[in-house]
Protein backbone atom coordinates (compact mmCIF):
# COMPACT_ATOMS: atom_id res chain seq x y z
CA MET A 1 -9.10 -2.03 -25.49
CA MET A 2 -7.35 -5.42 -25.65
CA PRO A 3 -8.96 -7.99 -27.95
CA ALA A 4 -10.58 -10.84 -26.04
CA SER A 5 -8.72 -13.35 -28.19
CA LYS A 6 -5.33 -12.09 -26.91
CA LEU A 7 -6.56 -12.36 -23.33
CA GLN A 8 -7.95 -15.83 -24.02
CA GLN A 9 -4.66 -16.93 -25.61
CA ALA A 10 -2.74 -15.58 -22.64
CA GLN A 11 -5.08 -17.37 -20.24
CA ARG A 12 -4.52 -20.68 -22.06
CA VAL A 13 -0.74 -20.30 -21.80
CA ILE A 14 -1.02 -19.42 -18.11
CA ASP A 15 -3.32 -22.38 -17.45
CA GLU A 16 -0.85 -24.68 -19.21
CA LEU A 17 2.46 -23.41 -17.83
CA LYS A 18 1.85 -21.71 -14.47
CA PRO A 19 1.36 -24.98 -12.54
CA LEU A 20 4.79 -26.09 -13.78
CA ALA A 21 6.33 -22.73 -12.84
CA ASP A 22 4.74 -22.94 -9.39
CA ALA A 23 6.12 -26.47 -8.96
CA ASP A 24 9.59 -25.22 -10.01
CA ARG A 25 9.41 -22.39 -7.44
CA LYS A 26 8.29 -24.79 -4.70
CA ALA A 27 11.06 -27.28 -5.57
CA PHE A 28 13.67 -24.50 -5.57
CA LEU A 29 12.46 -23.22 -2.18
CA GLN A 30 12.73 -26.73 -0.75
CA PHE A 31 16.17 -27.06 -2.32
CA THR A 32 17.42 -23.83 -0.70
CA GLN A 33 16.11 -25.01 2.67
CA GLU A 34 17.88 -28.35 2.22
CA VAL A 35 21.11 -26.55 1.29
CA GLN A 36 20.90 -24.48 4.48
CA ARG A 37 20.32 -27.60 6.60
CA ALA A 38 23.15 -29.46 4.87
CA LYS A 39 25.55 -26.57 5.46
CA ALA A 40 24.52 -26.29 9.11
CA GLU A 41 25.00 -30.03 9.61
CA GLY A 42 28.23 -30.23 7.60
CA ARG A 43 26.74 -32.61 5.04
CA ALA A 44 27.21 -32.67 1.28
CA LEU A 45 24.99 -30.24 -0.58
CA PRO A 46 21.99 -31.71 -2.41
CA ALA A 47 21.70 -31.55 -6.18
CA ARG A 48 19.65 -28.69 -7.57
CA PRO A 49 16.32 -29.92 -8.93
CA ALA A 50 15.80 -29.80 -12.68
CA ASP A 51 13.42 -27.13 -13.96
CA ARG A 52 10.15 -28.39 -15.37
CA LEU A 53 9.90 -25.40 -17.73
CA THR A 54 12.26 -24.79 -20.62
CA ALA A 55 13.66 -21.30 -21.24
CA GLU A 56 11.20 -20.91 -24.13
CA GLN A 57 8.26 -21.90 -21.92
CA LYS A 58 9.38 -19.44 -19.22
CA LYS A 59 9.47 -16.67 -21.81
CA ARG A 60 6.00 -17.62 -23.15
CA LEU A 61 4.59 -17.63 -19.62
CA GLU A 62 6.13 -14.26 -18.75
CA GLU A 63 4.74 -12.70 -21.92
CA ALA A 64 1.31 -14.27 -21.38
CA MET A 65 1.16 -13.01 -17.81
CA LEU A 66 2.16 -9.53 -18.96
CA VAL A 67 -0.61 -9.54 -21.60
CA TYR A 68 -3.21 -11.05 -19.30
CA TYR A 69 -2.65 -8.88 -16.25
CA THR A 70 -2.12 -5.72 -18.29
CA GLY A 71 -5.36 -6.37 -20.19
CA ASN A 72 -7.34 -7.05 -17.04
CA ASN A 73 -5.86 -4.02 -15.28
CA TYR A 74 -6.84 -1.85 -18.23
CA GLU A 75 -10.40 -3.18 -18.30
CA GLY A 76 -10.79 -2.81 -14.55
CA PHE A 77 -9.00 0.45 -13.84
CA ILE A 78 -8.47 2.53 -16.99
CA ALA A 79 -11.36 1.77 -19.37
CA PRO A 80 -14.02 3.06 -16.94
CA LEU A 81 -12.21 6.44 -16.88
CA THR A 82 -12.36 6.98 -20.64
CA ALA A 83 -15.80 8.58 -20.30
CA THR A 84 -14.15 11.35 -18.26
CA ALA A 85 -12.35 14.27 -19.92
CA ILE A 86 -8.67 14.57 -18.99
CA ARG A 87 -5.97 17.15 -19.75
CA GLY A 88 -3.04 14.77 -19.59
CA VAL A 89 -1.39 11.89 -17.76
CA VAL A 90 1.54 11.85 -15.36
CA TRP A 91 3.39 8.52 -15.58
CA TYR A 92 5.80 7.08 -13.03
CA GLN A 93 7.43 3.91 -14.32
CA GLY A 94 9.34 2.78 -11.25
CA GLU A 95 12.28 0.40 -11.40
CA SER A 96 11.12 -3.00 -10.18
CA ASN A 97 10.89 -4.34 -13.74
CA ARG A 98 14.07 -2.75 -15.10
CA GLU A 99 15.15 -6.09 -16.62
CA ARG A 100 12.59 -5.37 -19.36
CA ALA A 101 13.64 -1.74 -19.87
CA ASP A 102 14.61 -2.40 -23.49
CA ARG A 103 10.94 -3.03 -24.31
CA TYR A 104 9.56 0.21 -22.88
CA ALA A 105 10.08 2.47 -25.91
CA GLU A 106 7.71 0.28 -27.92
CA LEU A 107 5.33 -0.45 -25.05
CA MET A 108 4.97 3.20 -24.04
CA THR A 109 4.41 4.28 -27.66
CA ARG A 110 1.62 1.70 -27.95
CA LEU A 111 0.17 2.63 -24.56
CA ILE A 112 0.05 6.36 -25.32
CA GLY A 113 -1.45 5.75 -28.76
CA ALA A 114 -4.13 3.42 -27.39
CA TRP A 115 -5.07 5.77 -24.57
CA ARG A 116 -5.26 8.77 -26.90
CA GLN A 117 -7.48 6.75 -29.23
CA ASP A 118 -9.73 5.59 -26.38
CA TRP A 119 -10.11 9.13 -25.03
CA GLY A 120 -10.34 10.70 -28.49
CA SER A 121 -7.79 13.29 -27.44
CA ASP A 122 -4.15 14.06 -28.13
CA PHE A 123 -3.42 14.78 -24.46
CA PRO A 124 0.19 14.96 -23.17
CA LEU A 125 1.79 12.19 -21.15
CA VAL A 126 4.66 13.28 -18.91
């Protein structure tokens, strides 16, 4: 189970930075539309808008969202199942988040350990 303090910290970071990230996305979408219009009309291309978030803030937000949504998903979908006996888990990772593949050895080790602790069983994960 994820400590409430980690979820609360993540929520604070999201509350602080997500509005800026949303504004950056909206500005970039408008920029791409302006570029398309400028190209179609043969005009000079507009300047790309400056990001409101720094690289460090983007990283903090991404990590906070990962913690927050992972924690809430666990509480909503997995934790209720821990009262049920299981023989093992089949895991399909998928590829949509392959840019973070270097983190999965650690994350999966922690996930398996936490689930085994929550179930009180050394079940296999394949």
